[in-house]
């Protein structure tokens, strides 16, 4: 995997938040992920204080799916 880092915000839940500085970056990444088969939504102000991707991970996700997601996020 790449050495590039992804910042996650997580408070001991299965929901991972990736913050973005601007709305268009979050929306564009969400669209890219959806085109790759991932259901990841961009949450935008005024619903939240800053743009973000919301990712829910469960025990049903395979290691391969998580690796593919990780590669798409970078």
N, C-alpha and C. Protein backbone atom coordinates (compact mmCIF):
# COMPACT_ATOMS: atom_id res chain seq x y z
N UNK A 1 0.83 -1.19 0.00
CA UNK A 1 0.00 0.00 0.00
C UNK A 1 0.87 1.25 0.00
N UNK A 2 0.29 2.32 -0.43
CA UNK A 2 0.98 3.60 -0.46
C UNK A 2 1.30 4.07 0.95
N UNK A 3 2.33 4.89 1.06
CA UNK A 3 2.68 5.45 2.37
C UNK A 3 1.90 6.72 2.65
N UNK A 4 1.06 7.13 1.69
CA UNK A 4 0.21 8.30 1.91
C UNK A 4 -0.75 7.99 3.05
N UNK A 5 -1.05 8.98 3.84
CA UNK A 5 -1.90 8.76 5.01
C UNK A 5 -3.29 9.32 4.80
N UNK A 6 -4.25 8.64 5.39
CA UNK A 6 -5.64 9.08 5.39
C UNK A 6 -5.97 9.43 6.83
N UNK A 7 -6.59 10.56 7.04
CA UNK A 7 -7.01 10.95 8.38
C UNK A 7 -8.43 10.45 8.60
N UNK A 8 -8.61 9.64 9.64
CA UNK A 8 -9.93 9.15 10.02
C UNK A 8 -10.32 9.81 11.33
N UNK A 9 -11.60 10.06 11.47
CA UNK A 9 -12.14 10.47 12.76
C UNK A 9 -13.07 9.34 13.19
N UNK A 10 -12.78 8.76 14.34
CA UNK A 10 -13.57 7.63 14.80
C UNK A 10 -13.58 7.66 16.32
N UNK A 11 -14.75 7.55 16.87
CA UNK A 11 -14.89 7.55 18.32
C UNK A 11 -15.42 6.20 18.79
N UNK A 12 -14.66 5.15 18.48
CA UNK A 12 -14.99 3.78 18.90
C UNK A 12 -16.33 3.30 18.36
N UNK A 13 -16.58 3.60 17.09
CA UNK A 13 -17.78 3.10 16.42
C UNK A 13 -17.36 2.44 15.11
N UNK A 14 -18.31 1.86 14.41
CA UNK A 14 -18.02 1.26 13.11
C UNK A 14 -18.13 2.28 11.99
N UNK A 15 -18.40 3.52 12.34
CA UNK A 15 -18.50 4.59 11.35
C UNK A 15 -17.19 5.37 11.35
N UNK A 16 -16.56 5.42 10.18
CA UNK A 16 -15.32 6.15 10.02
C UNK A 16 -15.60 7.42 9.22
N UNK A 17 -15.05 8.51 9.67
CA UNK A 17 -15.23 9.81 9.03
C UNK A 17 -13.89 10.24 8.45
N UNK A 18 -13.90 10.63 7.18
CA UNK A 18 -12.71 11.21 6.55
C UNK A 18 -13.04 12.67 6.25
N UNK A 19 -12.38 13.60 6.93
CA UNK A 19 -12.67 15.02 6.72
C UNK A 19 -12.05 15.55 5.43
N UNK A 20 -12.73 16.50 4.83
CA UNK A 20 -12.24 17.19 3.63
C UNK A 20 -12.32 18.69 3.86
N UNK A 21 -11.43 19.42 3.20
CA UNK A 21 -11.42 20.87 3.37
C UNK A 21 -12.50 21.55 2.55
N UNK A 22 -12.90 20.92 1.43
CA UNK A 22 -13.92 21.56 0.61
C UNK A 22 -14.94 20.53 0.13
N UNK A 23 -16.12 21.03 -0.17
CA UNK A 23 -17.25 20.18 -0.55
C UNK A 23 -16.97 19.42 -1.84
N UNK A 24 -16.41 20.08 -2.83
CA UNK A 24 -16.22 19.42 -4.13
C UNK A 24 -15.26 18.23 -4.03
N UNK A 25 -14.25 18.30 -3.20
CA UNK A 25 -13.32 17.18 -3.02
C UNK A 25 -14.04 15.98 -2.41
N UNK A 26 -14.87 16.24 -1.42
CA UNK A 26 -15.61 15.15 -0.77
C UNK A 26 -16.61 14.52 -1.74
N UNK A 27 -17.32 15.35 -2.49
CA UNK A 27 -18.31 14.85 -3.45
C UNK A 27 -17.62 14.06 -4.56
N UNK A 28 -16.52 14.59 -5.08
CA UNK A 28 -15.80 13.89 -6.15
C UNK A 28 -15.27 12.53 -5.70
N UNK A 29 -14.73 12.47 -4.49
CA UNK A 29 -14.22 11.19 -3.97
C UNK A 29 -15.37 10.22 -3.76
N UNK A 30 -16.50 10.72 -3.27
CA UNK A 30 -17.67 9.87 -3.08
C UNK A 30 -18.13 9.28 -4.41
N UNK A 31 -18.17 10.10 -5.46
CA UNK A 31 -18.58 9.63 -6.79
C UNK A 31 -17.61 8.58 -7.32
N UNK A 32 -16.31 8.82 -7.12
CA UNK A 32 -15.30 7.84 -7.55
C UNK A 32 -15.51 6.51 -6.85
N UNK A 33 -15.68 6.57 -5.53
CA UNK A 33 -15.87 5.34 -4.76
C UNK A 33 -17.15 4.61 -5.18
N UNK A 34 -18.21 5.36 -5.44
CA UNK A 34 -19.45 4.73 -5.88
C UNK A 34 -19.27 4.08 -7.24
N UNK A 35 -18.48 4.67 -8.12
CA UNK A 35 -18.23 4.07 -9.44
C UNK A 35 -17.44 2.78 -9.33
N UNK A 36 -16.72 2.62 -8.22
CA UNK A 36 -15.94 1.40 -7.95
C UNK A 36 -16.73 0.38 -7.14
N UNK A 37 -18.00 0.70 -6.84
CA UNK A 37 -18.86 -0.25 -6.13
C UNK A 37 -18.96 -0.07 -4.63
N UNK A 38 -18.43 1.03 -4.11
CA UNK A 38 -18.50 1.30 -2.67
C UNK A 38 -19.62 2.29 -2.39
N UNK A 39 -20.41 2.01 -1.38
CA UNK A 39 -21.48 2.92 -0.99
C UNK A 39 -20.93 3.84 0.10
N UNK A 40 -20.29 4.90 -0.34
CA UNK A 40 -19.69 5.89 0.56
C UNK A 40 -20.29 7.24 0.18
N UNK A 41 -20.90 7.88 1.15
CA UNK A 41 -21.58 9.14 0.86
C UNK A 41 -20.79 10.33 1.39
N UNK A 42 -20.92 11.44 0.68
CA UNK A 42 -20.34 12.70 1.13
C UNK A 42 -21.41 13.41 1.95
N UNK A 43 -21.05 13.79 3.15
CA UNK A 43 -21.94 14.55 4.02
C UNK A 43 -21.41 15.98 4.02
N UNK A 44 -22.31 16.94 3.78
CA UNK A 44 -21.87 18.33 3.57
C UNK A 44 -22.59 19.29 4.51
N UNK A 45 -21.94 20.45 4.74
CA UNK A 45 -22.63 21.50 5.47
C UNK A 45 -23.89 21.92 4.70
N UNK A 46 -24.94 22.30 5.34
CA UNK A 46 -25.11 22.62 6.76
C UNK A 46 -25.47 21.41 7.63
N UNK A 47 -25.56 20.21 7.03
CA UNK A 47 -25.88 19.02 7.84
C UNK A 47 -24.81 18.77 8.90
N UNK A 48 -23.55 19.00 8.54
CA UNK A 48 -22.41 18.85 9.45
C UNK A 48 -21.54 20.10 9.35
N UNK A 49 -20.59 20.23 10.26
CA UNK A 49 -19.78 21.45 10.30
C UNK A 49 -18.70 21.50 9.22
N UNK A 50 -18.28 20.35 8.71
CA UNK A 50 -17.26 20.32 7.66
C UNK A 50 -17.58 19.16 6.71
N UNK A 51 -17.17 19.25 5.43
CA UNK A 51 -17.43 18.17 4.49
C UNK A 51 -16.68 16.91 4.89
N UNK A 52 -17.29 15.76 4.65
CA UNK A 52 -16.68 14.50 5.06
C UNK A 52 -17.25 13.34 4.26
N UNK A 53 -16.49 12.26 4.26
CA UNK A 53 -17.00 10.99 3.78
C UNK A 53 -17.36 10.17 5.00
N UNK A 54 -18.43 9.43 4.88
CA UNK A 54 -18.88 8.58 5.98
C UNK A 54 -18.78 7.15 5.50
N UNK A 55 -17.96 6.35 6.19
CA UNK A 55 -17.72 4.96 5.81
C UNK A 55 -18.12 4.07 6.99
N UNK A 56 -18.98 3.10 6.71
CA UNK A 56 -19.39 2.13 7.73
C UNK A 56 -18.75 0.79 7.40
N UNK A 57 -17.98 0.26 8.32
CA UNK A 57 -17.31 -1.02 8.12
C UNK A 57 -17.93 -2.05 9.06
N UNK A 58 -18.20 -3.22 8.50
CA UNK A 58 -18.79 -4.29 9.31
C UNK A 58 -17.93 -5.56 9.20
N UNK A 59 -18.26 -6.54 10.02
CA UNK A 59 -17.55 -7.82 10.00
C UNK A 59 -17.79 -8.58 8.70
N UNK A 60 -18.80 -8.20 7.95
CA UNK A 60 -19.09 -8.87 6.68
C UNK A 60 -18.18 -8.41 5.55
N UNK A 61 -17.45 -7.32 5.75
CA UNK A 61 -16.51 -6.86 4.73
C UNK A 61 -15.28 -7.75 4.75
N UNK A 62 -14.86 -8.19 3.57
CA UNK A 62 -13.68 -9.06 3.48
C UNK A 62 -12.40 -8.22 3.52
N UNK A 63 -11.30 -8.90 3.77
CA UNK A 63 -10.00 -8.23 3.76
C UNK A 63 -9.75 -7.62 2.38
N UNK A 64 -10.12 -8.34 1.33
CA UNK A 64 -9.94 -7.84 -0.04
C UNK A 64 -10.76 -6.56 -0.27
N UNK A 65 -11.99 -6.54 0.20
CA UNK A 65 -12.83 -5.34 0.05
C UNK A 65 -12.21 -4.15 0.77
N UNK A 66 -11.71 -4.39 1.98
CA UNK A 66 -11.09 -3.30 2.74
C UNK A 66 -9.82 -2.80 2.07
N UNK A 67 -9.04 -3.70 1.50
CA UNK A 67 -7.83 -3.30 0.79
C UNK A 67 -8.19 -2.51 -0.46
N UNK A 68 -9.22 -2.94 -1.19
CA UNK A 68 -9.66 -2.21 -2.37
C UNK A 68 -10.14 -0.82 -2.01
N UNK A 69 -10.89 -0.71 -0.91
CA UNK A 69 -11.35 0.59 -0.44
C UNK A 69 -10.16 1.48 -0.10
N UNK A 70 -9.21 0.92 0.61
CA UNK A 70 -8.02 1.68 1.00
C UNK A 70 -7.29 2.20 -0.23
N UNK A 71 -7.14 1.35 -1.25
CA UNK A 71 -6.46 1.78 -2.48
C UNK A 71 -7.23 2.89 -3.18
N UNK A 72 -8.55 2.82 -3.16
CA UNK A 72 -9.37 3.84 -3.82
C UNK A 72 -9.35 5.16 -3.06
N UNK A 73 -9.15 5.11 -1.76
CA UNK A 73 -9.13 6.33 -0.96
C UNK A 73 -7.84 7.13 -1.17
N UNK A 74 -6.77 6.45 -1.53
CA UNK A 74 -5.48 7.15 -1.69
C UNK A 74 -5.39 7.85 -3.02
